[in-house]
Amino acid sequence: MSRYSASGHDLTPLAPVERERLAARLTPEQRHVLLARGTERPFCGGLLHEHGAGVFACALCGLPLFAATAKFESGTGWPSFSAPFDPAHLRELRDTSHGMIRTEIRCARCDSHIGHVFDDGPSPGGLRYCMNSAALEFRPG
């Protein structure tokens, strides 16, 4: 049965066969980040300096995750956003890897790893969604 977000996007989880079909077109770095919960090196991501109008979507399934208007310069070396495109498009999980406690962000539709969220972002929400460029694709608009 299909599930839709308030913004009208299909959130029905991908079947394993569909996820593998989509994963076949990923680069090795995208596979490392999205499927193996990896992290790209800071200040190296291709979308770090993208400031055009549009939407940042999941690089695996294309679900819109962040509007370009929510992007800000955090100085951390990864694309940072103050709010999601639609909160229902993100899944949060407790991450205790690397000797710290963080909140991991995954795509709600395909369950791919996108990055982490921290509580040191700008007002009014105070959140910093620290994402991997390799996990996103920019769609101008």
N, C-alpha and C. Protein backbone atom coordinates (compact mmCIF):
# COMPACT_ATOMS: atom_id res chain seq x y z
N MET A 1 0.84 -1.19 0.00
CA MET A 1 0.00 0.00 0.00
C MET A 1 0.88 1.25 0.00
N SER A 2 0.54 2.21 -0.81
CA SER A 2 1.32 3.44 -0.94
C SER A 2 1.09 4.38 0.23
N ARG A 3 2.15 5.10 0.58
CA ARG A 3 2.13 6.13 1.63
C ARG A 3 2.62 7.42 1.01
N TYR A 4 1.94 8.53 1.31
CA TYR A 4 2.35 9.82 0.75
C TYR A 4 2.61 10.83 1.85
N SER A 5 3.59 11.71 1.60
CA SER A 5 3.90 12.78 2.55
C SER A 5 2.92 13.93 2.36
N ALA A 6 2.92 14.88 3.28
CA ALA A 6 2.06 16.06 3.18
C ALA A 6 2.37 16.85 1.92
N SER A 7 3.61 16.76 1.43
CA SER A 7 3.99 17.48 0.21
C SER A 7 3.66 16.68 -1.06
N GLY A 8 3.01 15.51 -0.89
CA GLY A 8 2.52 14.74 -2.03
C GLY A 8 3.47 13.75 -2.64
N HIS A 9 4.56 13.40 -1.96
CA HIS A 9 5.54 12.46 -2.49
C HIS A 9 5.32 11.05 -1.93
N ASP A 10 5.50 10.08 -2.80
CA ASP A 10 5.34 8.68 -2.44
C ASP A 10 6.47 8.24 -1.50
N LEU A 11 6.11 7.77 -0.32
CA LEU A 11 7.08 7.32 0.68
C LEU A 11 7.07 5.79 0.83
N THR A 12 6.40 5.11 -0.06
CA THR A 12 6.34 3.66 0.01
C THR A 12 7.76 3.10 -0.05
N PRO A 13 8.16 2.30 0.93
CA PRO A 13 9.53 1.75 0.91
C PRO A 13 9.80 0.98 -0.38
N LEU A 14 11.03 1.11 -0.87
CA LEU A 14 11.42 0.41 -2.09
C LEU A 14 11.57 -1.08 -1.82
N ALA A 15 11.15 -1.87 -2.78
CA ALA A 15 11.38 -3.31 -2.71
C ALA A 15 12.88 -3.54 -2.86
N PRO A 16 13.43 -4.58 -2.22
CA PRO A 16 14.87 -4.84 -2.32
C PRO A 16 15.38 -4.92 -3.76
N VAL A 17 14.60 -5.49 -4.66
CA VAL A 17 15.01 -5.60 -6.06
C VAL A 17 15.11 -4.22 -6.71
N GLU A 18 14.19 -3.31 -6.40
CA GLU A 18 14.21 -1.95 -6.93
C GLU A 18 15.39 -1.18 -6.35
N ARG A 19 15.66 -1.35 -5.08
CA ARG A 19 16.78 -0.66 -4.43
C ARG A 19 18.10 -1.10 -5.09
N GLU A 20 18.26 -2.38 -5.35
CA GLU A 20 19.47 -2.88 -6.00
C GLU A 20 19.58 -2.39 -7.44
N ARG A 21 18.45 -2.29 -8.14
CA ARG A 21 18.46 -1.77 -9.50
C ARG A 21 18.96 -0.32 -9.52
N LEU A 22 18.46 0.48 -8.59
CA LEU A 22 18.88 1.88 -8.50
C LEU A 22 20.34 1.99 -8.05
N ALA A 23 20.75 1.13 -7.15
CA ALA A 23 22.12 1.17 -6.62
C ALA A 23 23.15 0.82 -7.69
N ALA A 24 22.76 0.09 -8.70
CA ALA A 24 23.69 -0.33 -9.76
C ALA A 24 24.27 0.86 -10.52
N ARG A 25 23.58 2.00 -10.52
CA ARG A 25 24.06 3.18 -11.26
C ARG A 25 24.92 4.12 -10.40
N LEU A 26 25.09 3.82 -9.12
CA LEU A 26 25.84 4.69 -8.21
C LEU A 26 27.35 4.56 -8.44
N THR A 27 28.06 5.64 -8.14
CA THR A 27 29.53 5.59 -8.15
C THR A 27 30.00 4.84 -6.91
N PRO A 28 31.25 4.40 -6.88
CA PRO A 28 31.76 3.73 -5.67
C PRO A 28 31.63 4.61 -4.42
N GLU A 29 31.88 5.92 -4.54
CA GLU A 29 31.75 6.81 -3.38
C GLU A 29 30.30 6.90 -2.92
N GLN A 30 29.37 7.00 -3.85
CA GLN A 30 27.95 7.05 -3.48
C GLN A 30 27.53 5.75 -2.79
N ARG A 31 27.98 4.62 -3.30
CA ARG A 31 27.66 3.32 -2.67
C ARG A 31 28.20 3.29 -1.24
N HIS A 32 29.44 3.78 -1.06
CA HIS A 32 30.06 3.81 0.27
C HIS A 32 29.23 4.65 1.25
N VAL A 33 28.79 5.81 0.81
CA VAL A 33 28.03 6.71 1.70
C VAL A 33 26.60 6.21 1.89
N LEU A 34 25.88 6.02 0.81
CA LEU A 34 24.45 5.70 0.88
C LEU A 34 24.17 4.31 1.44
N LEU A 35 24.94 3.31 1.02
CA LEU A 35 24.63 1.93 1.38
C LEU A 35 25.45 1.39 2.54
N ALA A 36 26.67 1.92 2.72
CA ALA A 36 27.55 1.42 3.79
C ALA A 36 27.70 2.42 4.94
N ARG A 37 26.86 3.46 4.93
CA ARG A 37 26.85 4.48 6.00
C ARG A 37 28.20 5.17 6.15
N GLY A 38 28.85 5.41 5.03
CA GLY A 38 30.15 6.08 5.03
C GLY A 38 30.00 7.59 5.08
N THR A 39 31.15 8.26 5.10
CA THR A 39 31.19 9.72 5.11
C THR A 39 32.27 10.17 4.14
N GLU A 40 31.94 11.17 3.33
CA GLU A 40 32.96 11.72 2.44
C GLU A 40 33.89 12.63 3.23
N ARG A 41 35.06 12.89 2.68
CA ARG A 41 36.01 13.78 3.35
C ARG A 41 35.47 15.22 3.35
N PRO A 42 35.73 15.98 4.42
CA PRO A 42 35.24 17.36 4.47
C PRO A 42 35.87 18.22 3.37
N PHE A 43 35.13 19.20 2.93
CA PHE A 43 35.53 20.20 1.94
C PHE A 43 35.81 19.60 0.55
N CYS A 44 35.36 18.39 0.30
CA CYS A 44 35.60 17.73 -0.99
C CYS A 44 34.33 17.44 -1.78
N GLY A 45 33.17 17.56 -1.16
CA GLY A 45 31.91 17.20 -1.82
C GLY A 45 31.55 18.14 -2.94
N GLY A 46 31.01 17.59 -4.00
CA GLY A 46 30.65 18.36 -5.18
C GLY A 46 29.51 19.35 -4.98
N LEU A 47 28.72 19.18 -3.94
CA LEU A 47 27.58 20.09 -3.72
C LEU A 47 27.83 21.11 -2.61
N LEU A 48 29.02 21.10 -2.05
CA LEU A 48 29.33 22.01 -0.95
C LEU A 48 29.09 23.47 -1.34
N HIS A 49 29.46 23.83 -2.56
CA HIS A 49 29.34 25.23 -2.99
C HIS A 49 28.18 25.46 -3.95
N GLU A 50 27.23 24.54 -3.98
CA GLU A 50 26.04 24.71 -4.83
C GLU A 50 25.08 25.67 -4.14
N HIS A 51 24.79 26.79 -4.80
CA HIS A 51 23.91 27.80 -4.21
C HIS A 51 22.76 28.19 -5.12
N GLY A 52 22.51 27.39 -6.15
CA GLY A 52 21.42 27.69 -7.06
C GLY A 52 20.06 27.38 -6.45
N ALA A 53 19.02 27.89 -7.09
CA ALA A 53 17.65 27.60 -6.67
C ALA A 53 17.32 26.17 -7.09
N GLY A 54 16.64 25.45 -6.22
CA GLY A 54 16.24 24.10 -6.54
C GLY A 54 16.06 23.24 -5.31
N VAL A 55 16.25 21.94 -5.50
CA VAL A 55 16.02 20.96 -4.44
C VAL A 55 17.18 19.96 -4.42
N PHE A 56 17.56 19.56 -3.22
CA PHE A 56 18.55 18.50 -3.04
C PHE A 56 17.77 17.23 -2.73
N ALA A 57 17.93 16.22 -3.59
CA ALA A 57 17.17 14.98 -3.48
C ALA A 57 18.10 13.81 -3.15
N CYS A 58 17.52 12.72 -2.70
CA CYS A 58 18.27 11.50 -2.42
C CYS A 58 18.90 11.01 -3.72
N ALA A 59 20.20 10.73 -3.69
CA ALA A 59 20.91 10.28 -4.89
C ALA A 59 20.52 8.87 -5.30
N LEU A 60 19.90 8.11 -4.41
CA LEU A 60 19.47 6.76 -4.78
C LEU A 60 18.07 6.76 -5.38
N CYS A 61 17.09 7.31 -4.64
CA CYS A 61 15.69 7.18 -5.09
C CYS A 61 15.07 8.48 -5.59
N GLY A 62 15.74 9.62 -5.44
CA GLY A 62 15.22 10.88 -5.96
C GLY A 62 14.22 11.61 -5.09
N LEU A 63 13.95 11.13 -3.88
CA LEU A 63 13.00 11.81 -3.00
C LEU A 63 13.57 13.17 -2.60
N PRO A 64 12.81 14.27 -2.73
CA PRO A 64 13.31 15.58 -2.31
C PRO A 64 13.57 15.60 -0.80
N LEU A 65 14.77 16.01 -0.41
CA LEU A 65 15.14 16.02 1.01
C LEU A 65 15.32 17.42 1.58
N PHE A 66 15.90 18.34 0.79
CA PHE A 66 16.15 19.70 1.29
C PHE A 66 15.94 20.71 0.17
N ALA A 67 15.26 21.81 0.49
CA ALA A 67 15.14 22.92 -0.46
C ALA A 67 16.44 23.72 -0.41
N ALA A 68 16.83 24.26 -1.56
CA ALA A 68 18.05 25.07 -1.62
C ALA A 68 17.97 26.27 -0.68
N THR A 69 16.77 26.77 -0.42
CA THR A 69 16.62 27.93 0.47
C THR A 69 16.98 27.60 1.91
N ALA A 70 17.06 26.32 2.27
CA ALA A 70 17.42 25.92 3.64
C ALA A 70 18.92 25.69 3.79
N LYS A 71 19.68 25.81 2.70
CA LYS A 71 21.13 25.57 2.75
C LYS A 71 21.84 26.78 3.34
N PHE A 72 22.86 26.51 4.15
CA PHE A 72 23.64 27.60 4.72
C PHE A 72 25.10 27.16 4.86
N GLU A 73 25.99 28.12 4.99
CA GLU A 73 27.42 27.84 5.15
C GLU A 73 27.71 27.61 6.62
N SER A 74 28.03 26.37 6.97
CA SER A 74 28.31 26.04 8.37
C SER A 74 29.80 26.06 8.68
N GLY A 75 30.64 26.02 7.65
CA GLY A 75 32.08 25.98 7.85
C GLY A 75 32.59 24.61 8.23
N THR A 76 31.73 23.60 8.20
CA THR A 76 32.13 22.25 8.63
C THR A 76 32.76 21.43 7.51
N GLY A 77 32.53 21.83 6.24
CA GLY A 77 33.06 21.08 5.12
C GLY A 77 32.06 20.17 4.45
N TRP A 78 30.83 20.16 4.92
CA TRP A 78 29.76 19.38 4.31
C TRP A 78 28.57 20.30 4.05
N PRO A 79 27.77 20.00 3.03
CA PRO A 79 26.55 20.79 2.82
C PRO A 79 25.67 20.74 4.07
N SER A 80 25.21 21.90 4.50
CA SER A 80 24.39 21.99 5.71
C SER A 80 23.07 22.68 5.41
N PHE A 81 22.04 22.19 6.07
CA PHE A 81 20.68 22.68 5.86
C PHE A 81 20.03 22.93 7.22
N SER A 82 19.15 23.92 7.29
CA SER A 82 18.49 24.26 8.55
C SER A 82 17.18 23.53 8.76
N ALA A 83 16.61 22.97 7.69
CA ALA A 83 15.32 22.28 7.80
C ALA A 83 15.14 21.35 6.60
N PRO A 84 14.39 20.27 6.77
CA PRO A 84 14.13 19.38 5.63
C PRO A 84 13.07 19.94 4.69
N PHE A 85 13.05 19.43 3.47
CA PHE A 85 12.02 19.75 2.48
C PHE A 85 10.65 19.40 3.06
N ASP A 86 10.55 18.23 3.65
CA ASP A 86 9.35 17.74 4.32
C ASP A 86 9.85 16.80 5.42
N PRO A 87 9.53 17.04 6.68
CA PRO A 87 10.05 16.19 7.77
C PRO A 87 9.77 14.70 7.58
N ALA A 88 8.68 14.37 6.89
CA ALA A 88 8.34 12.96 6.67
C ALA A 88 9.30 12.28 5.69
N HIS A 89 10.12 13.06 4.98
CA HIS A 89 11.05 12.50 4.01
C HIS A 89 12.34 12.00 4.65
N LEU A 90 12.53 12.31 5.93
CA LEU A 90 13.74 11.90 6.64
C LEU A 90 13.40 10.93 7.76
N ARG A 91 14.31 10.02 8.00
CA ARG A 91 14.20 9.09 9.12
C ARG A 91 15.39 9.33 10.03
N GLU A 92 15.15 9.42 11.33
CA GLU A 92 16.22 9.66 12.31
C GLU A 92 16.49 8.39 13.10
N LEU A 93 17.78 8.07 13.27
CA LEU A 93 18.18 6.91 14.06
C LEU A 93 19.32 7.30 14.99
N ARG A 94 19.35 6.70 16.15
CA ARG A 94 20.44 6.93 17.10
C ARG A 94 21.69 6.24 16.55
N ASP A 95 22.80 6.96 16.51
CA ASP A 95 24.06 6.46 15.99
C ASP A 95 25.12 6.57 17.08
N THR A 96 25.64 5.43 17.52
CA THR A 96 26.66 5.43 18.58
C THR A 96 28.03 5.01 18.05
N SER A 97 28.21 5.09 16.73
CA SER A 97 29.50 4.73 16.14
C SER A 97 30.54 5.82 16.40
N HIS A 98 31.78 5.48 16.24
CA HIS A 98 32.90 6.41 16.36
C HIS A 98 33.01 7.05 17.75
N GLY A 99 32.54 6.35 18.77
CA GLY A 99 32.70 6.83 20.15
C GLY A 99 31.87 8.04 20.52
N MET A 100 30.80 8.32 19.80
CA MET A 100 29.94 9.46 20.13
C MET A 100 28.49 9.09 19.88
N ILE A 101 27.60 9.92 20.42
CA ILE A 101 26.17 9.72 20.20
C ILE A 101 25.70 10.82 19.26
N ARG A 102 25.16 10.39 18.11
CA ARG A 102 24.67 11.34 17.11
C ARG A 102 23.31 10.86 16.61
N THR A 103 22.67 11.71 15.81
CA THR A 103 21.42 11.32 15.17
C THR A 103 21.67 11.19 13.68
N GLU A 104 21.57 9.97 13.21
CA GLU A 104 21.77 9.69 11.79
C GLU A 104 20.51 10.05 11.01
N ILE A 105 20.70 10.54 9.80
CA ILE A 105 19.59 10.86 8.90
C ILE A 105 19.62 9.88 7.74
N ARG A 106 18.46 9.27 7.49
CA ARG A 106 18.30 8.37 6.35
C ARG A 106 17.11 8.82 5.53
N CYS A 107 17.12 8.46 4.27
CA CYS A 107 15.98 8.74 3.39
C CYS A 107 14.82 7.86 3.84
N ALA A 108 13.65 8.46 4.00
CA ALA A 108 12.48 7.72 4.48
C ALA A 108 11.97 6.70 3.47
N ARG A 109 12.25 6.89 2.19
CA ARG A 109 11.74 5.95 1.19
C ARG A 109 12.70 4.79 0.94
N CYS A 110 13.99 5.05 0.75
CA CYS A 110 14.92 3.97 0.38
C CYS A 110 15.85 3.56 1.50
N ASP A 111 15.80 4.24 2.64
CA ASP A 111 16.60 3.93 3.83
C ASP A 111 18.10 4.14 3.63
N SER A 112 18.49 4.97 2.68
CA SER A 112 19.90 5.27 2.45
C SER A 112 20.42 6.27 3.48
N HIS A 113 21.68 6.11 3.86
CA HIS A 113 22.34 7.04 4.78
C HIS A 113 22.62 8.34 4.05
N ILE A 114 22.22 9.47 4.66
CA ILE A 114 22.42 10.78 4.04
C ILE A 114 23.43 11.60 4.84
N GLY A 115 23.39 11.53 6.17
CA GLY A 115 24.28 12.30 7.03
C GLY A 115 23.81 12.26 8.46
N HIS A 116 24.02 13.38 9.19
CA HIS A 116 23.63 13.49 10.60
C HIS A 116 23.02 14.86 10.86
N VAL A 117 22.25 14.96 11.93
CA VAL A 117 21.68 16.25 12.32
C VAL A 117 22.21 16.60 13.71
N PHE A 118 22.52 17.89 13.89
CA PHE A 118 23.08 18.39 15.15
C PHE A 118 22.25 19.59 15.61
N ASP A 119 22.35 19.91 16.90
CA ASP A 119 21.54 21.01 17.45
C ASP A 119 22.31 22.33 17.55
N ASP A 120 23.25 22.55 16.64
CA ASP A 120 24.03 23.79 16.65
C ASP A 120 23.81 24.62 15.39
N GLY A 121 22.60 24.54 14.83
CA GLY A 121 22.28 25.27 13.61
C GLY A 121 21.72 26.66 13.88
N PRO A 122 21.38 27.37 12.82
CA PRO A 122 20.88 28.74 12.96
C PRO A 122 19.44 28.79 13.48
N SER A 123 19.05 29.95 13.94
CA SER A 123 17.67 30.20 14.36
C SER A 123 16.80 30.23 13.12
N PRO A 124 15.54 29.93 13.20
CA PRO A 124 14.79 29.69 14.42
C PRO A 124 14.83 28.25 14.92
N GLY A 125 15.10 27.28 14.06
CA GLY A 125 15.02 25.87 14.48
C GLY A 125 16.21 25.37 15.26
N GLY A 126 17.38 25.96 15.04
CA GLY A 126 18.59 25.56 15.75
C GLY A 126 19.19 24.24 15.31
N LEU A 127 18.75 23.71 14.16
CA LEU A 127 19.27 22.43 13.69
C LEU A 127 20.22 22.62 12.52
N ARG A 128 21.21 21.72 12.44
CA ARG A 128 22.16 21.69 11.32
C ARG A 128 22.15 20.27 10.75
N TYR A 129 21.51 20.13 9.61
CA TYR A 129 21.51 18.86 8.90
C TYR A 129 22.80 18.82 8.08
N CYS A 130 23.76 18.05 8.54
CA CYS A 130 25.09 17.95 7.94
C CYS A 130 25.08 16.74 7.01
N MET A 131 25.02 16.99 5.70
CA MET A 131 24.80 15.93 4.73
C MET A 131 26.02 15.69 3.85
N ASN A 132 26.10 14.51 3.30
CA ASN A 132 27.15 14.15 2.36
C ASN A 132 26.71 14.53 0.95
N SER A 133 27.57 15.23 0.21
CA SER A 133 27.26 15.56 -1.19
C SER A 133 26.99 14.29 -2.00
N ALA A 134 27.74 13.23 -1.72
CA ALA A 134 27.60 11.98 -2.47
C ALA A 134 26.22 11.34 -2.27
N ALA A 135 25.53 11.71 -1.21
CA ALA A 135 24.21 11.15 -0.92
C ALA A 135 23.08 11.96 -1.57
N LEU A 136 23.44 13.09 -2.16
CA LEU A 136 22.43 14.00 -2.71
C LEU A 136 22.64 14.23 -4.19
N GLU A 137 21.57 14.61 -4.87
CA GLU A 137 21.66 15.13 -6.23
C GLU A 137 20.91 16.45 -6.25
N PHE A 138 21.48 17.44 -6.93
CA PHE A 138 20.86 18.75 -7.00
C PHE A 138 19.98 18.83 -8.23
N ARG A 139 18.75 19.28 -8.03
CA ARG A 139 17.81 19.47 -9.13
C ARG A 139 17.47 20.96 -9.21
N PRO A 140 18.01 21.65 -10.21
CA PRO A 140 17.73 23.08 -10.36
C PRO A 140 16.23 23.31 -10.59
N GLY A 141 15.78 24.45 -10.13
CA GLY A 141 14.37 24.74 -10.35
C GLY A 141 13.90 26.01 -9.77
